[in-house]
Protein backbone atom coordinates (compact mmCIF):
# COMPACT_ATOMS: atom_id res chain seq x y z
CA MET A 1 58.55 14.50 -12.11
CA THR A 2 57.43 15.72 -15.53
CA ALA A 3 53.82 16.05 -16.57
CA THR A 4 54.15 13.11 -18.92
CA GLY A 5 55.20 10.98 -15.97
CA THR A 6 52.58 12.30 -13.56
CA VAL A 7 49.53 11.47 -15.66
CA PRO A 8 50.30 7.74 -16.10
CA LEU A 9 51.14 7.44 -12.41
CA ALA A 10 47.89 9.16 -11.43
CA ALA A 11 45.97 6.81 -13.74
CA HIS A 12 47.72 3.84 -12.15
CA ARG A 13 46.82 4.96 -8.62
CA LEU A 14 43.20 5.62 -9.60
CA LEU A 15 42.95 2.21 -11.22
CA ALA A 16 44.42 0.49 -8.19
CA SER A 17 42.12 2.43 -5.86
CA SER A 18 39.05 1.24 -7.77
CA ARG A 19 39.80 -2.43 -6.87
CA PRO A 20 39.59 -4.05 -10.35
CA LEU A 21 39.06 -7.48 -8.80
CA SER A 22 35.77 -6.22 -7.38
CA TRP A 23 34.39 -4.51 -10.48
CA ILE A 24 32.29 -7.51 -11.45
CA ASN A 25 30.69 -7.62 -7.99
CA THR A 26 28.65 -4.50 -8.73
CA ALA A 27 28.27 -4.54 -12.53
CA TYR A 28 27.07 -8.14 -12.67
CA PRO A 29 24.18 -7.78 -10.17
CA PHE A 30 22.87 -4.74 -12.05
CA ALA A 31 23.06 -6.29 -15.51
CA ALA A 32 21.72 -9.69 -14.44
CA ALA A 33 18.80 -8.22 -12.49
CA HIS A 34 17.91 -5.83 -15.32
CA LEU A 35 17.89 -8.55 -17.97
CA LEU A 36 16.06 -11.11 -15.81
CA ALA A 37 13.39 -8.48 -15.11
CA GLY A 38 12.73 -8.16 -18.84
CA GLY A 39 14.93 -5.18 -19.52
CA ARG A 40 16.19 -4.79 -23.07
CA VAL A 41 19.74 -4.50 -24.33
CA ASP A 42 19.54 -0.75 -24.71
CA ALA A 43 21.29 2.46 -23.67
CA ALA A 44 20.16 2.11 -20.05
CA LEU A 45 21.67 -1.38 -19.76
CA VAL A 46 24.96 -0.43 -21.42
CA ILE A 47 25.39 2.84 -19.51
CA GLY A 48 24.38 1.24 -16.23
CA THR A 49 26.72 -1.72 -16.65
CA LEU A 50 29.65 0.55 -17.52
CA PHE A 51 28.84 2.80 -14.57
CA PHE A 52 28.67 -0.01 -12.03
CA LEU A 53 31.80 -1.58 -13.53
CA VAL A 54 34.32 1.25 -13.08
CA PRO A 55 33.08 4.74 -12.02
CA TYR A 56 30.94 3.33 -9.21
CA ASN A 57 33.85 1.36 -7.79
CA LEU A 58 36.23 4.31 -8.00
CA LEU A 59 33.65 6.41 -6.16
CA MET A 60 33.15 3.73 -3.53
CA TYR A 61 36.71 2.62 -2.92
CA GLY A 62 38.46 5.86 -3.85
CA VAL A 63 36.56 7.88 -1.25
CA ASN A 64 37.26 5.09 1.24
CA ASP A 65 40.99 5.12 0.50
CA VAL A 66 41.17 8.87 1.02
CA PHE A 67 39.38 9.00 4.36
CA ASP A 68 40.74 5.68 5.69
CA HIS A 69 44.33 6.71 5.07
CA GLU A 70 45.42 6.65 8.73
CA SER A 71 43.99 3.21 9.47
CA ASP A 72 45.26 1.83 6.15
CA LEU A 73 48.80 2.79 7.16
CA ARG A 74 48.45 0.44 10.15
CA ASN A 75 46.79 -2.35 8.18
CA PRO A 76 49.27 -5.02 7.00
CA ARG A 77 46.90 -6.44 4.36
CA LYS A 78 46.76 -3.19 2.42
CA GLY A 79 48.98 -2.83 -0.62
CA GLY A 80 47.69 -5.47 -3.05
CA ILE A 81 44.42 -6.76 -4.49
CA GLU A 82 42.68 -6.03 -1.17
CA GLY A 83 43.29 -2.32 -1.46
CA ILE A 84 46.15 0.12 -1.61
CA VAL A 85 47.46 2.72 0.76
CA LEU A 86 46.70 5.82 -1.29
CA GLU A 87 49.40 8.43 -0.87
CA ARG A 88 48.23 11.85 0.31
CA ARG A 89 49.43 13.49 -2.89
CA TRP A 90 46.67 11.65 -4.78
CA HIS A 91 43.80 12.32 -2.39
CA ALA A 92 42.42 15.44 -4.09
CA VAL A 93 42.91 13.93 -7.54
CA THR A 94 41.04 10.80 -6.48
CA LEU A 95 38.06 12.69 -5.07
CA TRP A 96 37.79 14.89 -8.17
CA ALA A 97 38.22 11.97 -10.56
CA ALA A 98 35.66 9.84 -8.72
CA GLY A 99 33.06 12.60 -8.82
CA LEU A 100 33.68 13.77 -12.38
CA LEU A 101 33.83 10.26 -13.83
CA ALA A 102 30.58 9.21 -12.14
CA ALA A 103 28.61 12.40 -12.88
CA PRO A 104 27.75 11.90 -16.59
CA PHE A 105 26.71 8.28 -16.00
CA VAL A 106 24.49 9.27 -13.08
CA VAL A 107 22.84 12.07 -15.05
CA ALA A 108 22.19 9.72 -17.98
CA LEU A 109 20.69 7.02 -15.76
CA LEU A 110 18.47 9.56 -14.01
CA LEU A 111 17.18 10.79 -17.38
CA LEU A 112 16.67 7.29 -18.78
CA GLY A 113 14.85 5.96 -15.73
CA SER A 114 11.72 6.66 -13.74
CA ALA A 115 11.17 8.58 -10.52
CA ALA A 116 11.36 5.28 -8.62
CA SER A 117 14.65 4.21 -10.22
CA ALA A 118 16.06 7.70 -9.63
CA LEU A 119 15.23 7.44 -5.93
CA VAL A 120 16.92 4.03 -5.68
CA LEU A 121 20.04 5.26 -7.47
CA LEU A 122 20.35 8.33 -5.27
CA LEU A 123 19.94 6.24 -2.11
CA VAL A 124 22.63 3.82 -3.30
CA LEU A 125 25.01 6.69 -4.05
CA ALA A 126 24.28 8.23 -0.65
CA ALA A 127 25.23 4.91 0.96
CA VAL A 128 28.44 4.76 -1.08
CA VAL A 129 29.60 8.23 -0.07
CA GLY A 130 28.19 8.15 3.46
CA TYR A 131 30.06 4.96 4.28
CA SER A 132 33.44 6.74 4.33
CA ALA A 133 32.90 10.50 4.15
CA PRO A 134 33.59 12.63 7.24
CA GLY A 135 30.51 13.57 9.23
CA LEU A 136 28.57 10.41 8.49
CA ARG A 137 31.28 7.71 8.48
CA LEU A 138 28.67 4.93 8.52
CA LYS A 139 31.51 2.41 8.46
CA GLU A 140 32.23 3.40 12.07
CA ARG A 141 28.67 2.79 13.24
CA PRO A 142 28.35 -0.88 14.23
CA VAL A 143 25.60 -2.81 12.42
CA LEU A 144 24.97 0.21 10.22
CA ASP A 145 28.39 -0.51 8.72
CA SER A 146 27.29 -3.95 7.50
CA LEU A 147 23.87 -2.68 6.40
CA THR A 148 25.44 0.12 4.39
CA SER A 149 28.14 -2.05 2.87
CA SER A 150 25.56 -4.58 1.72
CA THR A 151 23.62 -1.77 0.06
CA HIS A 152 26.71 -1.11 -2.07
CA PHE A 153 26.24 -4.50 -3.76
CA ALA A 154 22.54 -5.29 -3.46
CA GLY A 155 21.68 -1.71 -4.43
CA PRO A 156 22.80 -2.08 -8.08
CA ALA A 157 20.61 -5.20 -8.38
CA LEU A 158 17.61 -3.36 -6.95
CA PHE A 159 18.27 -0.45 -9.29
CA GLY A 160 18.40 -2.86 -12.25
CA LEU A 161 15.02 -4.32 -11.30
CA VAL A 162 13.34 -0.96 -10.76
CA LEU A 163 14.88 0.49 -13.93
CA ALA A 164 13.33 -2.40 -15.88
CA GLY A 165 9.96 -1.83 -14.20
CA ALA A 166 9.91 -5.27 -12.55
CA PRO A 167 7.00 -6.08 -10.20
CA ALA A 168 7.76 -6.93 -6.58
CA THR A 169 7.10 -10.67 -6.86
CA PRO A 170 7.82 -13.01 -3.90
CA THR A 171 10.74 -14.50 -5.84
CA ALA A 172 12.27 -11.09 -6.58
CA VAL A 173 11.84 -9.90 -2.98
CA ALA A 174 13.28 -13.13 -1.53
CA SER A 175 16.23 -13.06 -3.92
CA LEU A 176 17.05 -9.45 -3.11
CA LEU A 177 16.75 -10.04 0.62
CA ALA A 178 18.97 -13.13 0.35
CA PHE A 179 21.55 -11.11 -1.58
CA PHE A 180 21.36 -8.35 1.04
CA LEU A 181 21.93 -10.79 3.90
CA TRP A 182 24.82 -12.33 1.96
CA GLY A 183 26.32 -8.84 1.69
CA MET A 184 25.92 -8.20 5.40
CA ALA A 185 27.55 -11.54 6.24
CA SER A 186 30.45 -10.84 3.90
CA HIS A 187 31.09 -7.37 5.29
CA ALA A 188 30.87 -8.54 8.90
CA PHE A 189 33.34 -11.34 8.30
CA GLY A 190 35.65 -8.97 6.43
CA ALA A 191 35.69 -6.70 9.48
CA VAL A 192 36.99 -9.50 11.72
CA GLN A 193 40.51 -9.47 10.28
CA ASP A 194 40.75 -5.71 10.92
CA VAL A 195 39.80 -5.76 14.60
CA GLY A 196 43.38 -4.93 15.67
CA PRO A 197 44.08 -2.07 13.20
CA ASP A 198 40.57 -0.64 13.63
CA ARG A 199 40.84 -0.53 17.41
CA ALA A 200 44.30 1.01 17.17
CA ALA A 201 42.91 3.74 14.91
CA GLY A 202 39.83 4.25 17.09
CA ILE A 203 37.48 2.96 14.37
CA GLY A 204 34.35 1.19 15.50
CA SER A 205 32.87 -1.72 13.53
CA ILE A 206 30.51 -4.57 14.12
CA ALA A 207 33.54 -6.78 14.82
CA THR A 208 35.22 -4.40 17.28
CA VAL A 209 31.97 -4.12 19.26
CA ILE A 210 30.71 -7.71 19.51
CA GLY A 211 34.09 -9.40 19.09
CA ALA A 212 35.73 -11.53 16.43
CA ALA A 213 34.20 -14.92 17.27
CA ALA A 214 30.66 -13.55 17.68
CA THR A 215 30.96 -11.73 14.36
CA VAL A 216 32.04 -14.89 12.53
CA ARG A 217 29.09 -16.78 14.02
CA LEU A 218 26.74 -13.99 13.02
CA SER A 219 28.11 -14.17 9.47
CA ILE A 220 27.49 -17.92 9.38
CA LEU A 221 23.90 -17.34 10.50
CA LEU A 222 23.32 -14.65 7.89
CA TYR A 223 24.73 -16.84 5.11
CA ALA A 224 22.49 -19.70 6.24
CA VAL A 225 19.35 -17.55 6.33
CA ALA A 226 20.23 -16.15 2.89
CA GLY A 227 20.45 -19.66 1.50
CA LEU A 228 17.17 -20.73 3.12
CA LEU A 229 15.36 -17.68 1.73
CA MET A 230 15.99 -18.94 -1.78
CA LEU A 231 13.63 -21.86 -1.03
CA VAL A 232 10.87 -19.34 -1.79
CA ALA A 233 12.04 -19.23 -5.41
CA PRO A 234 10.69 -21.78 -7.90
CA TRP A 235 12.74 -24.63 -9.34
CA PRO A 236 15.54 -24.37 -10.47
CA ALA A 237 16.17 -20.85 -9.08
CA MET A 238 16.01 -22.24 -5.56
CA LEU A 239 19.31 -24.02 -6.26
CA ALA A 240 21.00 -20.63 -5.78
CA GLY A 241 20.55 -21.21 -2.06
CA LEU A 242 23.20 -23.94 -2.22
CA LEU A 243 25.77 -21.28 -3.07
CA ALA A 244 25.71 -20.16 0.57
CA ILE A 245 27.26 -23.46 1.68
CA PRO A 246 30.83 -22.82 0.42
CA TYR A 247 30.89 -19.50 2.28
CA ILE A 248 29.77 -21.16 5.51
CA LEU A 249 32.39 -23.88 5.14
CA SER A 250 35.08 -21.30 4.34
CA ILE A 251 34.57 -19.15 7.44
CA GLY A 252 33.49 -21.92 9.80
CA PRO A 253 37.04 -22.63 11.07
CA PHE A 254 37.21 -19.08 12.48
CA ARG A 255 34.02 -19.28 14.56
CA SER A 256 36.03 -19.31 17.82
CA VAL A 257 38.90 -17.01 16.85
CA PRO A 258 39.85 -14.72 19.79
CA ASP A 259 40.12 -10.98 19.30
CA ALA A 260 43.87 -11.10 19.91
CA GLN A 261 44.26 -13.43 16.92
CA ALA A 262 41.56 -11.93 14.71
CA GLU A 263 44.05 -11.38 11.89
CA GLN A 264 43.95 -15.15 11.30
CA ALA A 265 40.59 -14.60 9.60
CA HIS A 266 42.53 -13.04 6.76
CA ARG A 267 43.02 -16.53 5.33
CA GLY A 268 39.27 -16.88 5.08
CA TRP A 269 38.95 -13.45 3.48
CA ARG A 270 41.48 -14.35 0.80
CA ARG A 271 39.40 -17.43 0.02
CA PHE A 272 36.29 -15.26 -0.05
CA LEU A 273 37.71 -13.05 -2.80
CA TRP A 274 38.31 -16.01 -5.11
CA LEU A 275 35.18 -17.84 -3.97
CA ASN A 276 33.17 -14.93 -5.34
CA LEU A 277 34.51 -15.64 -8.83
CA VAL A 278 33.60 -19.33 -8.63
CA THR A 279 30.17 -18.54 -7.20
CA GLY A 280 29.58 -15.94 -9.89
CA PHE A 281 30.38 -18.52 -12.58
CA LEU A 282 27.99 -21.07 -11.06
CA LEU A 283 25.26 -18.47 -10.66
CA THR A 284 25.69 -17.49 -14.30
CA GLN A 285 25.23 -21.09 -15.39
CA LEU A 286 22.09 -21.31 -13.27
CA LEU A 287 20.69 -18.10 -14.75
CA LEU A 288 21.39 -19.36 -18.27
CA TRP A 289 19.57 -22.59 -17.44
CA ILE A 290 16.59 -20.61 -16.17
CA ALA A 291 16.62 -18.42 -19.27
CA LEU A 292 16.73 -21.42 -21.64
CA ARG A 293 13.80 -23.02 -19.81
CA SER A 294 11.59 -19.96 -20.17
């Protein structure tokens, strides 16, 4: 293959590895939290939003695709919007691209922020890399896998708050904790569909340890607690707690799924991916309502 053909193909594989459908799941929490905390539309907001939109996701998912290659080969759901099987020829390119693309954004955000925001950002990046990288492989440490995965999404929101210098009000703490529990529930349920491939590859997860049905029930509980936590927030912000209900209803039918049929939960996971878009739209409308009232 000629050089002119290699570059576009490499770009295509990098783009696919970054999971474009999930970009908004990390950029939106950062931008929304930063603005709601009183942050201005400035260089920090623009650079941070761009970072959490693309480079952050390439770093998170690209590293995962490289070091999960063997289990991905056995996973029938890989190959579309839920993640690709990244060919070995692109592994080194992906790792270099992920690091080099993220580096200037990280340096800029460290310089534009405070010591506290720098600490949060570095901890979030450590969770992103440590989730998949050899040696740590936090994704193979049951319970820690869900805790770390949730940090990937709640972390940008926390960074946005700290970068804006927001005080730790009860509403802010409850909202962040609710978001974190939502993230844990989502990761745990996502692990259910992979019980078979993960066990075949010798990968431990919260679902392979406590079983498919128990994991689904735990996810339901976490979603419920996340919704209830939002009762701490004032009106109308407390309405955000209602957004947990569609997730509970979506995964409820799988609460008794046996391990041998855990792949059936994939139907619920497909709904989850699109449910996020609907929930994001409704949350945006709620945030706009709150902003117009203030």
